[in-house]
Amino acid sequence: MGIADKMWDGITRVIKLDGKVERLADTVIEQQKRIEDLTGRIIRLEARLDTYVEIAQTRGKRLEDRT
């Protein structure tokens, strides 16, 4: 294999690798968006849980006060 063939092979590999890197970058961006969405959903669930716990504690105290 001559030098020109080796160079051409190297350039071809770099071009293929560039395409793979671009696809990987797109996948990473998509996954980051999913993670951010899930994080927001978890925060909302935690807030609801805290509210429900406070309501339950308040109701429990009211029931204890009545006895």
N, C-alpha and C. Protein backbone atom coordinates (compact mmCIF):
# COMPACT_ATOMS: atom_id res chain seq x y z
N MET A 1 0.84 -1.17 0.00
CA MET A 1 0.00 0.00 0.00
C MET A 1 0.89 1.24 0.00
N GLY A 2 0.61 2.14 -0.92
CA GLY A 2 1.42 3.34 -1.03
C GLY A 2 1.03 4.40 -0.01
N ILE A 3 1.83 5.44 0.02
CA ILE A 3 1.58 6.54 0.96
C ILE A 3 0.24 7.20 0.66
N ALA A 4 -0.07 7.38 -0.61
CA ALA A 4 -1.34 8.01 -0.99
C ALA A 4 -2.52 7.17 -0.51
N ASP A 5 -2.41 5.86 -0.65
CA ASP A 5 -3.48 4.97 -0.19
C ASP A 5 -3.66 5.05 1.33
N LYS A 6 -2.55 5.10 2.04
CA LYS A 6 -2.61 5.21 3.49
C LYS A 6 -3.24 6.54 3.91
N MET A 7 -2.87 7.60 3.23
CA MET A 7 -3.44 8.91 3.55
C MET A 7 -4.94 8.92 3.26
N TRP A 8 -5.30 8.37 2.11
CA TRP A 8 -6.72 8.32 1.75
C TRP A 8 -7.50 7.49 2.78
N ASP A 9 -6.95 6.39 3.22
CA ASP A 9 -7.58 5.55 4.22
C ASP A 9 -7.74 6.32 5.53
N GLY A 10 -6.71 7.05 5.91
CA GLY A 10 -6.76 7.86 7.14
C GLY A 10 -7.83 8.93 7.05
N ILE A 11 -7.89 9.62 5.93
CA ILE A 11 -8.91 10.67 5.73
C ILE A 11 -10.30 10.06 5.77
N THR A 12 -10.48 8.92 5.14
CA THR A 12 -11.79 8.24 5.13
C THR A 12 -12.20 7.87 6.56
N ARG A 13 -11.26 7.37 7.33
CA ARG A 13 -11.57 7.00 8.72
C ARG A 13 -11.96 8.23 9.54
N VAL A 14 -11.27 9.33 9.34
CA VAL A 14 -11.58 10.56 10.07
C VAL A 14 -12.98 11.05 9.71
N ILE A 15 -13.35 10.98 8.44
CA ILE A 15 -14.68 11.40 8.01
C ILE A 15 -15.75 10.51 8.64
N LYS A 16 -15.52 9.21 8.65
CA LYS A 16 -16.48 8.28 9.27
C LYS A 16 -16.59 8.55 10.77
N LEU A 17 -15.44 8.78 11.40
CA LEU A 17 -15.43 9.06 12.83
C LEU A 17 -16.16 10.36 13.13
N ASP A 18 -16.01 11.36 12.28
CA ASP A 18 -16.71 12.63 12.47
C ASP A 18 -18.22 12.42 12.47
N GLY A 19 -18.71 11.61 11.56
CA GLY A 19 -20.14 11.31 11.51
C GLY A 19 -20.62 10.63 12.77
N LYS A 20 -19.82 9.70 13.27
CA LYS A 20 -20.18 9.00 14.50
C LYS A 20 -20.20 9.95 15.70
N VAL A 21 -19.23 10.86 15.75
CA VAL A 21 -19.16 11.82 16.84
C VAL A 21 -20.38 12.75 16.80
N GLU A 22 -20.77 13.18 15.62
CA GLU A 22 -21.95 14.05 15.48
C GLU A 22 -23.21 13.33 15.94
N ARG A 23 -23.37 12.06 15.58
CA ARG A 23 -24.54 11.29 16.04
C ARG A 23 -24.53 11.13 17.55
N LEU A 24 -23.35 10.87 18.09
CA LEU A 24 -23.22 10.74 19.53
C LEU A 24 -23.56 12.05 20.24
N ALA A 25 -23.12 13.16 19.69
CA ALA A 25 -23.43 14.47 20.28
C ALA A 25 -24.93 14.71 20.27
N ASP A 26 -25.60 14.36 19.17
CA ASP A 26 -27.06 14.50 19.11
C ASP A 26 -27.75 13.63 20.15
N THR A 27 -27.25 12.42 20.33
CA THR A 27 -27.83 11.51 21.32
C THR A 27 -27.63 12.06 22.73
N VAL A 28 -26.46 12.62 23.00
CA VAL A 28 -26.18 13.19 24.32
C VAL A 28 -27.11 14.37 24.60
N ILE A 29 -27.33 15.21 23.61
CA ILE A 29 -28.23 16.35 23.78
C ILE A 29 -29.64 15.87 24.07
N GLU A 30 -30.09 14.87 23.34
CA GLU A 30 -31.43 14.31 23.55
C GLU A 30 -31.56 13.71 24.96
N GLN A 31 -30.55 12.98 25.38
CA GLN A 31 -30.58 12.38 26.72
C GLN A 31 -30.57 13.45 27.80
N GLN A 32 -29.82 14.52 27.59
CA GLN A 32 -29.77 15.61 28.57
C GLN A 32 -31.15 16.25 28.71
N LYS A 33 -31.86 16.42 27.59
CA LYS A 33 -33.21 16.98 27.65
C LYS A 33 -34.14 16.06 28.44
N ARG A 34 -34.01 14.76 28.23
CA ARG A 34 -34.84 13.80 28.98
C ARG A 34 -34.53 13.86 30.47
N ILE A 35 -33.26 13.95 30.81
CA ILE A 35 -32.86 14.03 32.22
C ILE A 35 -33.43 15.29 32.85
N GLU A 36 -33.34 16.42 32.16
CA GLU A 36 -33.87 17.66 32.70
C GLU A 36 -35.38 17.58 32.88
N ASP A 37 -36.07 16.94 31.95
CA ASP A 37 -37.51 16.77 32.08
C ASP A 37 -37.85 15.90 33.29
N LEU A 38 -37.12 14.81 33.45
CA LEU A 38 -37.36 13.93 34.60
C LEU A 38 -37.04 14.63 35.92
N THR A 39 -36.00 15.44 35.92
CA THR A 39 -35.65 16.19 37.13
C THR A 39 -36.79 17.12 37.52
N GLY A 40 -37.35 17.82 36.54
CA GLY A 40 -38.48 18.70 36.82
C GLY A 40 -39.68 17.93 37.35
N ARG A 41 -39.93 16.78 36.78
CA ARG A 41 -41.06 15.97 37.24
C ARG A 41 -40.85 15.49 38.67
N ILE A 42 -39.63 15.11 39.00
CA ILE A 42 -39.34 14.65 40.36
C ILE A 42 -39.51 15.80 41.35
N ILE A 43 -39.07 16.99 40.98
CA ILE A 43 -39.22 18.15 41.85
C ILE A 43 -40.69 18.41 42.13
N ARG A 44 -41.53 18.32 41.09
CA ARG A 44 -42.97 18.53 41.28
C ARG A 44 -43.56 17.46 42.17
N LEU A 45 -43.13 16.21 42.00
CA LEU A 45 -43.63 15.12 42.85
C LEU A 45 -43.22 15.33 44.31
N GLU A 46 -41.98 15.76 44.52
CA GLU A 46 -41.53 16.02 45.89
C GLU A 46 -42.35 17.13 46.53
N ALA A 47 -42.64 18.17 45.77
CA ALA A 47 -43.44 19.27 46.31
C ALA A 47 -44.83 18.78 46.69
N ARG A 48 -45.44 17.96 45.84
CA ARG A 48 -46.76 17.42 46.17
C ARG A 48 -46.70 16.54 47.41
N LEU A 49 -45.70 15.71 47.50
CA LEU A 49 -45.56 14.83 48.65
C LEU A 49 -45.41 15.65 49.93
N ASP A 50 -44.58 16.68 49.88
CA ASP A 50 -44.40 17.54 51.06
C ASP A 50 -45.73 18.17 51.46
N THR A 51 -46.51 18.62 50.48
CA THR A 51 -47.81 19.22 50.78
C THR A 51 -48.73 18.20 51.42
N TYR A 52 -48.77 17.00 50.86
CA TYR A 52 -49.65 15.96 51.41
C TYR A 52 -49.23 15.57 52.83
N VAL A 53 -47.93 15.51 53.07
CA VAL A 53 -47.44 15.17 54.41
C VAL A 53 -47.84 16.26 55.40
N GLU A 54 -47.69 17.52 55.00
CA GLU A 54 -48.09 18.62 55.88
C GLU A 54 -49.59 18.56 56.19
N ILE A 55 -50.40 18.29 55.18
CA ILE A 55 -51.85 18.20 55.38
C ILE A 55 -52.16 17.05 56.33
N ALA A 56 -51.53 15.92 56.14
CA ALA A 56 -51.78 14.76 56.99
C ALA A 56 -51.36 15.05 58.43
N GLN A 57 -50.23 15.71 58.61
CA GLN A 57 -49.79 16.04 59.96
C GLN A 57 -50.74 17.03 60.62
N THR A 58 -51.20 18.00 59.86
CA THR A 58 -52.14 18.99 60.40
C THR A 58 -53.45 18.31 60.80
N ARG A 59 -53.95 17.45 59.97
CA ARG A 59 -55.19 16.73 60.29
C ARG A 59 -55.01 15.83 61.50
N GLY A 60 -53.84 15.20 61.59
CA GLY A 60 -53.56 14.34 62.73
C GLY A 60 -53.53 15.13 64.03
N LYS A 61 -52.95 16.32 64.01
CA LYS A 61 -52.90 17.17 65.19
C LYS A 61 -54.28 17.62 65.57
N ARG A 62 -55.11 17.93 64.59
CA ARG A 62 -56.49 18.35 64.90
C ARG A 62 -57.25 17.22 65.57
N LEU A 63 -57.04 15.99 65.07
CA LEU A 63 -57.74 14.85 65.66
C LEU A 63 -57.26 14.61 67.09
N GLU A 64 -55.95 14.80 67.33
CA GLU A 64 -55.40 14.62 68.68
C GLU A 64 -55.95 15.68 69.62
N ASP A 65 -56.12 16.92 69.13
CA ASP A 65 -56.62 18.01 69.95
C ASP A 65 -58.08 17.76 70.37
N ARG A 66 -58.83 17.06 69.57
CA ARG A 66 -60.24 16.81 69.85
C ARG A 66 -60.42 15.78 70.96
N THR A 67 -59.46 14.94 71.17
CA THR A 67 -59.62 13.88 72.17
C THR A 67 -59.32 14.33 73.56
